[in-house]
């Protein structure tokens, strides 16, 4: 649970900041997607962009949490999978 908090809260904060900065510069009614104007209401545009920013922030944070694993965590998981595979071959 603690890792989910480490992932969700910072990415939420970054999404809020990105939303504020992005839409303080760009009007949602003047956005274009693949050469076509975006025909959503401003609230829908804000919401879609917020969740997009949040997903990008989550991807970045997940990668950071992945890189912060301790050697014990990495080796413990490898040791379990190797031991499990070894037990299968011994039993057969």
C-alpha atoms as a PDB file:
ATOM      1  CA  UNK A   1       0.000   0.000   0.000  1.00  0.00           C
ATOM      2  CA  UNK A   2       2.824   2.374   0.813  1.00  0.00           C
ATOM      3  CA  UNK A   3       4.291   2.030  -2.686  1.00  0.00           C
ATOM      4  CA  UNK A   4       0.934   2.920  -4.216  1.00  0.00           C
ATOM      5  CA  UNK A   5       0.914   6.087  -2.129  1.00  0.00           C
ATOM      6  CA  UNK A   6       4.479   6.796  -3.283  1.00  0.00           C
ATOM      7  CA  UNK A   7       3.256   6.449  -6.874  1.00  0.00           C
ATOM      8  CA  UNK A   8      -0.174   8.087  -6.805  1.00  0.00           C
ATOM      9  CA  UNK A   9       0.391  11.177  -4.669  1.00  0.00           C
ATOM     10  CA  UNK A  10       3.461  12.646  -6.438  1.00  0.00           C
ATOM     11  CA  UNK A  11       1.968  11.908  -9.850  1.00  0.00           C
ATOM     12  CA  UNK A  12      -1.288  13.609  -8.774  1.00  0.00           C
ATOM     13  CA  UNK A  13       0.642  16.683  -7.625  1.00  0.00           C
ATOM     14  CA  UNK A  14       2.572  16.802 -10.919  1.00  0.00           C
ATOM     15  CA  UNK A  15      -0.675  16.433 -12.889  1.00  0.00           C
ATOM     16  CA  UNK A  16      -2.201  19.363 -10.994  1.00  0.00           C
ATOM     17  CA  UNK A  17       0.836  21.520 -11.695  1.00  0.00           C
ATOM     18  CA  UNK A  18       1.002  20.456 -15.353  1.00  0.00           C
ATOM     19  CA  UNK A  19      -2.711  21.167 -15.797  1.00  0.00           C
ATOM     20  CA  UNK A  20      -2.327  24.626 -14.283  1.00  0.00           C
ATOM     21  CA  UNK A  21       0.726  25.541 -16.382  1.00  0.00           C
ATOM     22  CA  UNK A  22      -0.601  24.029 -19.628  1.00  0.00           C
ATOM     23  CA  UNK A  23      -4.015  25.680 -19.483  1.00  0.00           C
ATOM     24  CA  UNK A  24      -2.719  29.003 -18.239  1.00  0.00           C
ATOM     25  CA  UNK A  25      -0.953  29.235 -21.611  1.00  0.00           C
ATOM     26  CA  UNK A  26      -3.371  27.369 -23.911  1.00  0.00           C
ATOM     27  CA  UNK A  27      -7.123  27.874 -24.310  1.00  0.00           C
ATOM     28  CA  UNK A  28      -8.940  24.497 -24.401  1.00  0.00           C
ATOM     29  CA  UNK A  29     -11.208  25.744 -27.201  1.00  0.00           C
ATOM     30  CA  UNK A  30      -8.180  26.324 -29.449  1.00  0.00           C
ATOM     31  CA  UNK A  31      -6.660  22.847 -29.177  1.00  0.00           C
ATOM     32  CA  UNK A  32      -6.128  20.745 -32.285  1.00  0.00           C
ATOM     33  CA  UNK A  33      -5.676  16.977 -32.416  1.00  0.00           C
ATOM     34  CA  UNK A  34      -4.317  15.467 -35.654  1.00  0.00           C
ATOM     35  CA  UNK A  35      -5.127  18.677 -37.515  1.00  0.00           C
ATOM     36  CA  UNK A  36      -8.760  18.764 -36.368  1.00  0.00           C
ATOM     37  CA  UNK A  37     -10.136  21.091 -33.673  1.00  0.00           C
ATOM     38  CA  UNK A  38     -11.059  19.411 -30.407  1.00  0.00           C
ATOM     39  CA  UNK A  39     -14.849  19.674 -30.106  1.00  0.00           C
ATOM     40  CA  UNK A  40     -15.242  18.823 -26.432  1.00  0.00           C
ATOM     41  CA  UNK A  41     -16.491  21.135 -23.728  1.00  0.00           C
ATOM     42  CA  UNK A  42     -13.784  22.939 -21.724  1.00  0.00           C
ATOM     43  CA  UNK A  43     -14.521  20.761 -18.648  1.00  0.00           C
ATOM     44  CA  UNK A  44     -14.150  17.569 -20.701  1.00  0.00           C
ATOM     45  CA  UNK A  45     -10.905  18.865 -22.199  1.00  0.00           C
ATOM     46  CA  UNK A  46      -9.551  19.755 -18.753  1.00  0.00           C
ATOM     47  CA  UNK A  47     -10.521  16.328 -17.405  1.00  0.00           C
ATOM     48  CA  UNK A  48      -9.045  14.343 -20.288  1.00  0.00           C
ATOM     49  CA  UNK A  49      -5.813  16.307 -20.159  1.00  0.00           C
ATOM     50  CA  UNK A  50      -5.606  15.971 -16.373  1.00  0.00           C
ATOM     51  CA  UNK A  51      -5.880  12.190 -16.562  1.00  0.00           C
ATOM     52  CA  UNK A  52      -3.323  12.167 -19.384  1.00  0.00           C
ATOM     53  CA  UNK A  53      -0.901  14.218 -17.282  1.00  0.00           C
ATOM     54  CA  UNK A  54      -1.605  11.925 -14.329  1.00  0.00           C
ATOM     55  CA  UNK A  55      -0.829   8.810 -16.398  1.00  0.00           C
ATOM     56  CA  UNK A  56       2.460  10.300 -17.590  1.00  0.00           C
ATOM     57  CA  UNK A  57       3.311  11.239 -14.006  1.00  0.00           C
ATOM     58  CA  UNK A  58       2.435   7.726 -12.804  1.00  0.00           C
ATOM     59  CA  UNK A  59       4.629   6.141 -15.464  1.00  0.00           C
ATOM     60  CA  UNK A  60       7.540   8.296 -14.377  1.00  0.00           C
ATOM     61  CA  UNK A  61       6.968   7.569 -10.697  1.00  0.00           C
ATOM     62  CA  UNK A  62       6.559   3.817 -11.266  1.00  0.00           C
ATOM     63  CA  UNK A  63       9.900   3.820 -13.064  1.00  0.00           C
ATOM     64  CA  UNK A  64      11.497   5.726 -10.168  1.00  0.00           C
ATOM     65  CA  UNK A  65      10.078   3.310  -7.579  1.00  0.00           C
ATOM     66  CA  UNK A  66      11.265   0.386  -9.712  1.00  0.00           C
ATOM     67  CA  UNK A  67      14.798   1.795  -9.762  1.00  0.00           C
ATOM     68  CA  UNK A  68      14.794   2.370  -5.982  1.00  0.00           C
ATOM     69  CA  UNK A  69      14.450  -1.310  -5.103  1.00  0.00           C
ATOM     70  CA  UNK A  70      17.091  -2.525  -2.703  1.00  0.00           C
ATOM     71  CA  UNK A  71      19.502  -5.336  -3.654  1.00  0.00           C
ATOM     72  CA  UNK A  72      17.806  -7.538  -1.053  1.00  0.00           C
ATOM     73  CA  UNK A  73      14.424  -7.125  -2.749  1.00  0.00           C
ATOM     74  CA  UNK A  74      15.842  -7.959  -6.146  1.00  0.00           C
ATOM     75  CA  UNK A  75      17.866 -10.947  -4.957  1.00  0.00           C
ATOM     76  CA  UNK A  76      15.067 -12.288  -2.762  1.00  0.00           C
ATOM     77  CA  UNK A  77      12.714 -12.414  -5.743  1.00  0.00           C
ATOM     78  CA  UNK A  78      15.320 -14.039  -7.965  1.00  0.00           C
ATOM     79  CA  UNK A  79      16.208 -16.525  -5.246  1.00  0.00           C
ATOM     80  CA  UNK A  80      12.543 -17.508  -4.795  1.00  0.00           C
ATOM     81  CA  UNK A  81      12.009 -18.037  -8.526  1.00  0.00           C
ATOM     82  CA  UNK A  82      15.261 -20.005  -8.879  1.00  0.00           C
ATOM     83  CA  UNK A  83      14.401 -22.101  -5.824  1.00  0.00           C
ATOM     84  CA  UNK A  84      10.896 -22.709  -7.167  1.00  0.00           C
ATOM     85  CA  UNK A  85      12.269 -23.809 -10.555  1.00  0.00           C
ATOM     86  CA  UNK A  86      14.839 -26.025  -8.821  1.00  0.00           C
ATOM     87  CA  UNK A  87      12.123 -27.722  -6.749  1.00  0.00           C
ATOM     88  CA  UNK A  88      10.134 -28.450  -9.906  1.00  0.00           C
ATOM     89  CA  UNK A  89      13.097 -30.169 -11.555  1.00  0.00           C
ATOM     90  CA  UNK A  90      13.927 -32.159  -8.420  1.00  0.00           C
ATOM     91  CA  UNK A  91      10.335 -33.382  -8.070  1.00  0.00           C
ATOM     92  CA  UNK A  92      10.126 -34.620 -11.669  1.00  0.00           C
END
